[in-house]
Amino acid sequence: MGFKINALIGIDTKPERLVHVINKLKKDRDIISLYTSSGDHMLMIEVWLEDSDGLARFIKKIERIPGVTRVCPAIILERIV
């Protein structure tokens, strides 16, 4: 399939823009999973991307969504279980 980067990305938004951001993310074909969460971030997404350049472009795209205040990617190195 050509995907080399699997990442979990935490996203924070302005509270009044949360639903708008969720609706925008739901339409993105790069997103495998989308979750609301408690803890460090309001939203968590999982993506598979071709390479680190693709990840950088994806992060910039997310940062441009009105209401997004923080994007925190974590590349998955190894699945243990």
PDB file of N, CA and C in Angstrom:
ATOM      1  N   MET A   1       0.813  -1.189   0.000  1.00  0.00           N
ATOM      2  CA  MET A   1       0.000   0.000   0.000  1.00  0.00           C
ATOM      3  C   MET A   1       0.861   1.259   0.000  1.00  0.00           C
ATOM      4  N   GLY A   2       2.118   1.186   0.377  1.00  0.00           N
ATOM      5  CA  GLY A   2       2.997   2.327   0.308  1.00  0.00           C
ATOM      6  C   GLY A   2       2.977   3.257   1.501  1.00  0.00           C
ATOM      7  N   PHE A   3       2.270   2.906   2.554  1.00  0.00           N
ATOM      8  CA  PHE A   3       2.205   3.775   3.722  1.00  0.00           C
ATOM      9  C   PHE A   3       3.304   3.378   4.699  1.00  0.00           C
ATOM     10  N   LYS A   4       4.162   4.336   5.041  1.00  0.00           N
ATOM     11  CA  LYS A   4       5.273   4.052   5.942  1.00  0.00           C
ATOM     12  C   LYS A   4       5.114   4.710   7.310  1.00  0.00           C
ATOM     13  N   ILE A   5       4.243   5.706   7.406  1.00  0.00           N
ATOM     14  CA  ILE A   5       4.083   6.447   8.654  1.00  0.00           C
ATOM     15  C   ILE A   5       2.698   6.166   9.242  1.00  0.00           C
ATOM     16  N   ASN A   6       2.676   5.632  10.446  1.00  0.00           N
ATOM     17  CA  ASN A   6       1.438   5.472  11.221  1.00  0.00           C
ATOM     18  C   ASN A   6       1.576   6.391  12.419  1.00  0.00           C
ATOM     19  N   ALA A   7       0.641   7.317  12.581  1.00  0.00           N
ATOM     20  CA  ALA A   7       0.759   8.295  13.659  1.00  0.00           C
ATOM     21  C   ALA A   7      -0.554   8.471  14.396  1.00  0.00           C
ATOM     22  N   LEU A   8      -0.432   8.766  15.675  1.00  0.00           N
ATOM     23  CA  LEU A   8      -1.544   9.220  16.493  1.00  0.00           C
ATOM     24  C   LEU A   8      -1.328  10.711  16.694  1.00  0.00           C
ATOM     25  N   ILE A   9      -2.375  11.491  16.500  1.00  0.00           N
ATOM     26  CA  ILE A   9      -2.248  12.943  16.580  1.00  0.00           C
ATOM     27  C   ILE A   9      -3.298  13.484  17.538  1.00  0.00           C
ATOM     28  N   GLY A  10      -2.816  14.192  18.565  1.00  0.00           N
ATOM     29  CA  GLY A  10      -3.702  14.871  19.495  1.00  0.00           C
ATOM     30  C   GLY A  10      -4.031  16.249  18.951  1.00  0.00           C
ATOM     31  N   ILE A  11      -5.293  16.635  19.055  1.00  0.00           N
ATOM     32  CA  ILE A  11      -5.746  17.929  18.544  1.00  0.00           C
ATOM     33  C   ILE A  11      -6.558  18.629  19.622  1.00  0.00           C
ATOM     34  N   ASP A  12      -6.247  19.905  19.820  1.00  0.00           N
ATOM     35  CA  ASP A  12      -7.034  20.750  20.717  1.00  0.00           C
ATOM     36  C   ASP A  12      -7.702  21.840  19.892  1.00  0.00           C
ATOM     37  N   THR A  13      -8.880  22.269  20.346  1.00  0.00           N
ATOM     38  CA  THR A  13      -9.638  23.296  19.629  1.00  0.00           C
ATOM     39  C   THR A  13     -10.181  24.322  20.611  1.00  0.00           C
ATOM     40  N   LYS A  14     -10.616  25.427  20.062  1.00  0.00           N
ATOM     41  CA  LYS A  14     -11.427  26.344  20.858  1.00  0.00           C
ATOM     42  C   LYS A  14     -12.728  25.599  21.146  1.00  0.00           C
ATOM     43  N   PRO A  15     -13.211  25.627  22.380  1.00  0.00           N
ATOM     44  CA  PRO A  15     -14.412  24.843  22.722  1.00  0.00           C
ATOM     45  C   PRO A  15     -15.596  25.109  21.799  1.00  0.00           C
ATOM     46  N   GLU A  16     -15.814  26.340  21.428  1.00  0.00           N
ATOM     47  CA  GLU A  16     -16.955  26.673  20.574  1.00  0.00           C
ATOM     48  C   GLU A  16     -16.782  26.192  19.134  1.00  0.00           C
ATOM     49  N   ARG A  17     -15.589  25.746  18.756  1.00  0.00           N
ATOM     50  CA  ARG A  17     -15.322  25.269  17.388  1.00  0.00           C
ATOM     51  C   ARG A  17     -15.161  23.748  17.321  1.00  0.00           C
ATOM     52  N   LEU A  18     -15.332  23.060  18.445  1.00  0.00           N
ATOM     53  CA  LEU A  18     -15.108  21.611  18.489  1.00  0.00           C
ATOM     54  C   LEU A  18     -15.952  20.866  17.458  1.00  0.00           C
ATOM     55  N   VAL A  19     -17.237  21.131  17.405  1.00  0.00           N
ATOM     56  CA  VAL A  19     -18.117  20.415  16.467  1.00  0.00           C
ATOM     57  C   VAL A  19     -17.711  20.721  15.023  1.00  0.00           C
ATOM     58  N   HIS A  20     -17.370  21.962  14.732  1.00  0.00           N
ATOM     59  CA  HIS A  20     -16.912  22.328  13.382  1.00  0.00           C
ATOM     60  C   HIS A  20     -15.664  21.530  12.996  1.00  0.00           C
ATOM     61  N   VAL A  21     -14.698  21.455  13.922  1.00  0.00           N
ATOM     62  CA  VAL A  21     -13.456  20.728  13.646  1.00  0.00           C
ATOM     63  C   VAL A  21     -13.744  19.244  13.442  1.00  0.00           C
ATOM     64  N   ILE A  22     -14.585  18.657  14.282  1.00  0.00           N
ATOM     65  CA  ILE A  22     -14.946  17.245  14.121  1.00  0.00           C
ATOM     66  C   ILE A  22     -15.558  17.006  12.748  1.00  0.00           C
ATOM     67  N   ASN A  23     -16.485  17.840  12.334  1.00  0.00           N
ATOM     68  CA  ASN A  23     -17.133  17.665  11.026  1.00  0.00           C
ATOM     69  C   ASN A  23     -16.127  17.780   9.890  1.00  0.00           C
ATOM     70  N   LYS A  24     -15.162  18.665  10.018  1.00  0.00           N
ATOM     71  CA  LYS A  24     -14.125  18.814   8.997  1.00  0.00           C
ATOM     72  C   LYS A  24     -13.236  17.567   8.959  1.00  0.00           C
ATOM     73  N   LEU A  25     -12.843  17.080  10.123  1.00  0.00           N
ATOM     74  CA  LEU A  25     -11.976  15.899  10.191  1.00  0.00           C
ATOM     75  C   LEU A  25     -12.681  14.647   9.675  1.00  0.00           C
ATOM     76  N   LYS A  26     -13.967  14.520   9.933  1.00  0.00           N
ATOM     77  CA  LYS A  26     -14.725  13.341   9.476  1.00  0.00           C
ATOM     78  C   LYS A  26     -14.676  13.190   7.964  1.00  0.00           C
ATOM     79  N   LYS A  27     -14.461  14.269   7.234  1.00  0.00           N
ATOM     80  CA  LYS A  27     -14.432  14.237   5.772  1.00  0.00           C
ATOM     81  C   LYS A  27     -13.048  13.917   5.209  1.00  0.00           C
ATOM     82  N   ASP A  28     -12.030  13.890   6.055  1.00  0.00           N
ATOM     83  CA  ASP A  28     -10.662  13.691   5.582  1.00  0.00           C
ATOM     84  C   ASP A  28     -10.378  12.209   5.371  1.00  0.00           C
ATOM     85  N   ARG A  29     -10.008  11.850   4.166  1.00  0.00           N
ATOM     86  CA  ARG A  29      -9.810  10.439   3.814  1.00  0.00           C
ATOM     87  C   ARG A  29      -8.517   9.854   4.383  1.00  0.00           C
ATOM     88  N   ASP A  30      -7.598  10.699   4.853  1.00  0.00           N
ATOM     89  CA  ASP A  30      -6.357  10.195   5.443  1.00  0.00           C
ATOM     90  C   ASP A  30      -6.560   9.693   6.867  1.00  0.00           C
ATOM     91  N   ILE A  31      -7.649  10.070   7.493  1.00  0.00           N
ATOM     92  CA  ILE A  31      -7.884   9.717   8.890  1.00  0.00           C
ATOM     93  C   ILE A  31      -8.525   8.337   8.987  1.00  0.00           C
ATOM     94  N   ILE A  32      -7.850   7.448   9.709  1.00  0.00           N
ATOM     95  CA  ILE A  32      -8.332   6.076   9.905  1.00  0.00           C
ATOM     96  C   ILE A  32      -9.340   6.027  11.045  1.00  0.00           C
ATOM     97  N   SER A  33      -9.024   6.726  12.148  1.00  0.00           N
ATOM     98  CA  SER A  33      -9.883   6.754  13.333  1.00  0.00           C
ATOM     99  C   SER A  33      -9.914   8.171  13.892  1.00  0.00           C
ATOM    100  N   LEU A  34     -11.060   8.543  14.456  1.00  0.00           N
ATOM    101  CA  LEU A  34     -11.242   9.855  15.077  1.00  0.00           C
ATOM    102  C   LEU A  34     -11.958   9.635  16.400  1.00  0.00           C
ATOM    103  N   TYR A  35     -11.370  10.158  17.482  1.00  0.00           N
ATOM    104  CA  TYR A  35     -11.921   9.960  18.822  1.00  0.00           C
ATOM    105  C   TYR A  35     -12.006  11.286  19.566  1.00  0.00           C
ATOM    106  N   THR A  36     -13.028  11.456  20.394  1.00  0.00           N
ATOM    107  CA  THR A  36     -12.987  12.497  21.420  1.00  0.00           C
ATOM    108  C   THR A  36     -12.276  11.862  22.609  1.00  0.00           C
ATOM    109  N   SER A  37     -11.614  12.679  23.402  1.00  0.00           N
ATOM    110  CA  SER A  37     -10.858  12.093  24.503  1.00  0.00           C
ATOM    111  C   SER A  37     -10.797  13.038  25.694  1.00  0.00           C
ATOM    112  N   SER A  38     -10.459  12.466  26.829  1.00  0.00           N
ATOM    113  CA  SER A  38     -10.166  13.262  28.015  1.00  0.00           C
ATOM    114  C   SER A  38      -8.655  13.211  28.195  1.00  0.00           C
ATOM    115  N   GLY A  39      -8.141  14.059  29.020  1.00  0.00           N
ATOM    116  CA  GLY A  39      -6.694  14.023  29.241  1.00  0.00           C
ATOM    117  C   GLY A  39      -6.000  15.142  28.498  1.00  0.00           C
ATOM    118  N   ASP A  40      -4.914  14.819  27.834  1.00  0.00           N
ATOM    119  CA  ASP A  40      -4.062  15.833  27.215  1.00  0.00           C
ATOM    120  C   ASP A  40      -4.687  16.549  26.027  1.00  0.00           C
ATOM    121  N   HIS A  41      -5.556  15.878  25.270  1.00  0.00           N
ATOM    122  CA  HIS A  41      -6.110  16.468  24.047  1.00  0.00           C
ATOM    123  C   HIS A  41      -7.610  16.225  23.945  1.00  0.00           C
ATOM    124  N   MET A  42      -8.283  17.130  23.266  1.00  0.00           N
ATOM    125  CA  MET A  42      -9.736  17.023  23.081  1.00  0.00           C
ATOM    126  C   MET A  42     -10.097  15.947  22.058  1.00  0.00           C
ATOM    127  N   LEU A  43      -9.256  15.819  21.024  1.00  0.00           N
ATOM    128  CA  LEU A  43      -9.482  14.851  19.953  1.00  0.00           C
ATOM    129  C   LEU A  43      -8.209  14.059  19.717  1.00  0.00           C
ATOM    130  N   MET A  44      -8.366  12.818  19.288  1.00  0.00           N
ATOM    131  CA  MET A  44      -7.244  11.985  18.862  1.00  0.00           C
ATOM    132  C   MET A  44      -7.603  11.405  17.508  1.00  0.00           C
ATOM    133  N   ILE A  45      -6.634  11.426  16.597  1.00  0.00           N
ATOM    134  CA  ILE A  45      -6.849  10.793  15.296  1.00  0.00           C
ATOM    135  C   ILE A  45      -5.695   9.840  15.003  1.00  0.00           C
ATOM    136  N   GLU A  46      -5.977   8.838  14.184  1.00  0.00           N
ATOM    137  CA  GLU A  46      -4.952   7.927  13.690  1.00  0.00           C
ATOM    138  C   GLU A  46      -4.890   8.091  12.188  1.00  0.00           C
ATOM    139  N   VAL A  47      -3.671   8.197  11.670  1.00  0.00           N
ATOM    140  CA  VAL A  47      -3.472   8.334  10.229  1.00  0.00           C
ATOM    141  C   VAL A  47      -2.390   7.387   9.753  1.00  0.00           C
ATOM    142  N   TRP A  48      -2.493   6.988   8.487  1.00  0.00           N
ATOM    143  CA  TRP A  48      -1.438   6.286   7.768  1.00  0.00           C
ATOM    144  C   TRP A  48      -1.052   7.191   6.614  1.00  0.00           C
ATOM    145  N   LEU A  49       0.241   7.505   6.498  1.00  0.00           N
ATOM    146  CA  LEU A  49       0.707   8.396   5.441  1.00  0.00           C
ATOM    147  C   LEU A  49       1.938   7.803   4.767  1.00  0.00           C
ATOM    148  N   GLU A  50       2.218   8.267   3.552  1.00  0.00           N
ATOM    149  CA  GLU A  50       3.301   7.681   2.757  1.00  0.00           C
ATOM    150  C   GLU A  50       4.684   7.890   3.365  1.00  0.00           C
ATOM    151  N   ASP A  51       4.941   9.090   3.894  1.00  0.00           N
ATOM    152  CA  ASP A  51       6.286   9.393   4.404  1.00  0.00           C
ATOM    153  C   ASP A  51       6.227  10.610   5.322  1.00  0.00           C
ATOM    154  N   SER A  52       7.383  11.015   5.830  1.00  0.00           N
ATOM    155  CA  SER A  52       7.426  12.137   6.767  1.00  0.00           C
ATOM    156  C   SER A  52       7.010  13.445   6.107  1.00  0.00           C
ATOM    157  N   ASP A  53       7.268  13.606   4.822  1.00  0.00           N
ATOM    158  CA  ASP A  53       6.795  14.808   4.118  1.00  0.00           C
ATOM    159  C   ASP A  53       5.272  14.838   4.082  1.00  0.00           C
ATOM    160  N   GLY A  54       4.667  13.689   3.860  1.00  0.00           N
ATOM    161  CA  GLY A  54       3.210  13.593   3.878  1.00  0.00           C
ATOM    162  C   GLY A  54       2.648  13.925   5.249  1.00  0.00           C
ATOM    163  N   LEU A  55       3.340  13.486   6.298  1.00  0.00           N
ATOM    164  CA  LEU A  55       2.907  13.805   7.660  1.00  0.00           C
ATOM    165  C   LEU A  55       3.002  15.311   7.903  1.00  0.00           C
ATOM    166  N   ALA A  56       4.091  15.927   7.464  1.00  0.00           N
ATOM    167  CA  ALA A  56       4.253  17.379   7.652  1.00  0.00           C
ATOM    168  C   ALA A  56       3.147  18.143   6.923  1.00  0.00           C
ATOM    169  N   ARG A  57       2.833  17.731   5.696  1.00  0.00           N
ATOM    170  CA  ARG A  57       1.745  18.381   4.944  1.00  0.00           C
ATOM    171  C   ARG A  57       0.405  18.184   5.635  1.00  0.00           C
ATOM    172  N   PHE A  58       0.172  16.980   6.156  1.00  0.00           N
ATOM    173  CA  PHE A  58      -1.086  16.684   6.834  1.00  0.00           C
ATOM    174  C   PHE A  58      -1.239  17.551   8.080  1.00  0.00           C
ATOM    175  N   ILE A  59      -0.178  17.663   8.868  1.00  0.00           N
ATOM    176  CA  ILE A  59      -0.230  18.481  10.083  1.00  0.00           C
ATOM    177  C   ILE A  59      -0.541  19.933   9.738  1.00  0.00           C
ATOM    178  N   LYS A  60       0.102  20.463   8.706  1.00  0.00           N
ATOM    179  CA  LYS A  60      -0.176  21.850   8.296  1.00  0.00           C
ATOM    180  C   LYS A  60      -1.627  22.021   7.878  1.00  0.00           C
ATOM    181  N   LYS A  61      -2.177  21.006   7.206  1.00  0.00           N
ATOM    182  CA  LYS A  61      -3.577  21.061   6.793  1.00  0.00           C
ATOM    183  C   LYS A  61      -4.496  21.116   8.017  1.00  0.00           C
ATOM    184  N   ILE A  62      -4.201  20.307   9.024  1.00  0.00           N
ATOM    185  CA  ILE A  62      -5.009  20.300  10.244  1.00  0.00           C
ATOM    186  C   ILE A  62      -4.879  21.637  10.974  1.00  0.00           C
ATOM    187  N   GLU A  63      -3.679  22.177  11.034  1.00  0.00           N
ATOM    188  CA  GLU A  63      -3.455  23.456  11.726  1.00  0.00           C
ATOM    189  C   GLU A  63      -4.237  24.603  11.092  1.00  0.00           C
ATOM    190  N   ARG A  64      -4.554  24.494   9.812  1.00  0.00           N
ATOM    191  CA  ARG A  64      -5.293  25.553   9.111  1.00  0.00           C
ATOM    192  C   ARG A  64      -6.804  25.497   9.337  1.00  0.00           C
ATOM    193  N   ILE A  65      -7.307  24.441   9.956  1.00  0.00           N
ATOM    194  CA  ILE A  65      -8.745  24.358  10.222  1.00  0.00           C
ATOM    195  C   ILE A  65      -9.101  25.416  11.269  1.00  0.00           C
ATOM    196  N   PRO A  66     -10.071  26.283  10.966  1.00  0.00           N
ATOM    197  CA  PRO A  66     -10.457  27.313  11.939  1.00  0.00           C
ATOM    198  C   PRO A  66     -10.884  26.696  13.273  1.00  0.00           C
ATOM    199  N   GLY A  67     -10.296  27.186  14.343  1.00  0.00           N
ATOM    200  CA  GLY A  67     -10.618  26.695  15.675  1.00  0.00           C
ATOM    201  C   GLY A  67      -9.584  25.755  16.257  1.00  0.00           C
ATOM    202  N   VAL A  68      -8.718  25.180  15.424  1.00  0.00           N
ATOM    203  CA  VAL A  68      -7.665  24.297  15.936  1.00  0.00           C
ATOM    204  C   VAL A  68      -6.617  25.157  16.637  1.00  0.00           C
ATOM    205  N   THR A  69      -6.276  24.791  17.867  1.00  0.00           N
ATOM    206  CA  THR A  69      -5.311  25.560  18.638  1.00  0.00           C
ATOM    207  C   THR A  69      -3.984  24.830  18.849  1.00  0.00           C
ATOM    208  N   ARG A  70      -3.994  23.503  18.702  1.00  0.00           N
ATOM    209  CA  ARG A  70      -2.773  22.728  18.953  1.00  0.00           C
ATOM    210  C   ARG A  70      -2.869  21.386  18.244  1.00  0.00           C
ATOM    211  N   VAL A  71      -1.746  20.971  17.630  1.00  0.00           N
ATOM    212  CA  VAL A  71      -1.657  19.677  16.956  1.00  0.00           C
ATOM    213  C   VAL A  71      -0.384  18.989  17.460  1.00  0.00           C
ATOM    214  N   CYS A  72      -0.527  17.789  18.023  1.00  0.00           N
ATOM    215  CA  CYS A  72       0.600  17.093  18.643  1.00  0.00           C
ATOM    216  C   CYS A  72       0.730  15.673  18.073  1.00  0.00           C
ATOM    217  N   PRO A  73       1.583  15.495  17.064  1.00  0.00           N
ATOM    218  CA  PRO A  73       1.732  14.163  16.463  1.00  0.00           C
ATOM    219  C   PRO A  73       2.690  13.266  17.243  1.00  0.00           C
ATOM    220  N   ALA A  74       2.413  11.977  17.191  1.00  0.00           N
ATOM    221  CA  ALA A  74       3.309  10.964  17.747  1.00  0.00           C
ATOM    222  C   ALA A  74       3.365   9.821  16.732  1.00  0.00           C
ATOM    223  N   ILE A  75       4.551   9.568  16.184  1.00  0.00           N
ATOM    224  CA  ILE A  75       4.704   8.480  15.209  1.00  0.00           C
ATOM    225  C   ILE A  75       4.798   7.160  15.959  1.00  0.00           C
ATOM    226  N   ILE A  76       4.042   6.198  15.510  1.00  0.00           N
ATOM    227  CA  ILE A  76       4.069   4.870  16.127  1.00  0.00           C
ATOM    228  C   ILE A  76       5.290   4.136  15.581  1.00  0.00           C
ATOM    229  N   LEU A  77       6.179   3.695  16.463  1.00  0.00           N
ATOM    230  CA  LEU A  77       7.401   3.012  16.048  1.00  0.00           C
ATOM    231  C   LEU A  77       7.201   1.508  15.907  1.00  0.00           C
ATOM    232  N   GLU A  78       6.453   0.914  16.853  1.00  0.00           N
ATOM    233  CA  GLU A  78       6.294  -0.537  16.848  1.00  0.00           C
ATOM    234  C   GLU A  78       5.002  -0.910  17.560  1.00  0.00           C
ATOM    235  N   ARG A  79       4.248  -1.800  16.956  1.00  0.00           N
ATOM    236  CA  ARG A  79       3.072  -2.350  17.627  1.00  0.00           C
ATOM    237  C   ARG A  79       3.517  -3.545  18.456  1.00  0.00           C
ATOM    238  N   ILE A  80       3.175  -3.534  19.740  1.00  0.00           N
ATOM    239  CA  ILE A  80       3.629  -4.603  20.634  1.00  0.00           C
ATOM    240  C   ILE A  80       2.578  -5.695  20.761  1.00  0.00           C
ATOM    241  N   VAL A  81       1.319  -5.343  20.856  1.00  0.00           N
ATOM    242  CA  VAL A  81       0.250  -6.347  20.989  1.00  0.00           C
ATOM    243  C   VAL A  81      -0.772  -6.109  19.910  1.00  0.00           C
TER     244      VAL A  81
END
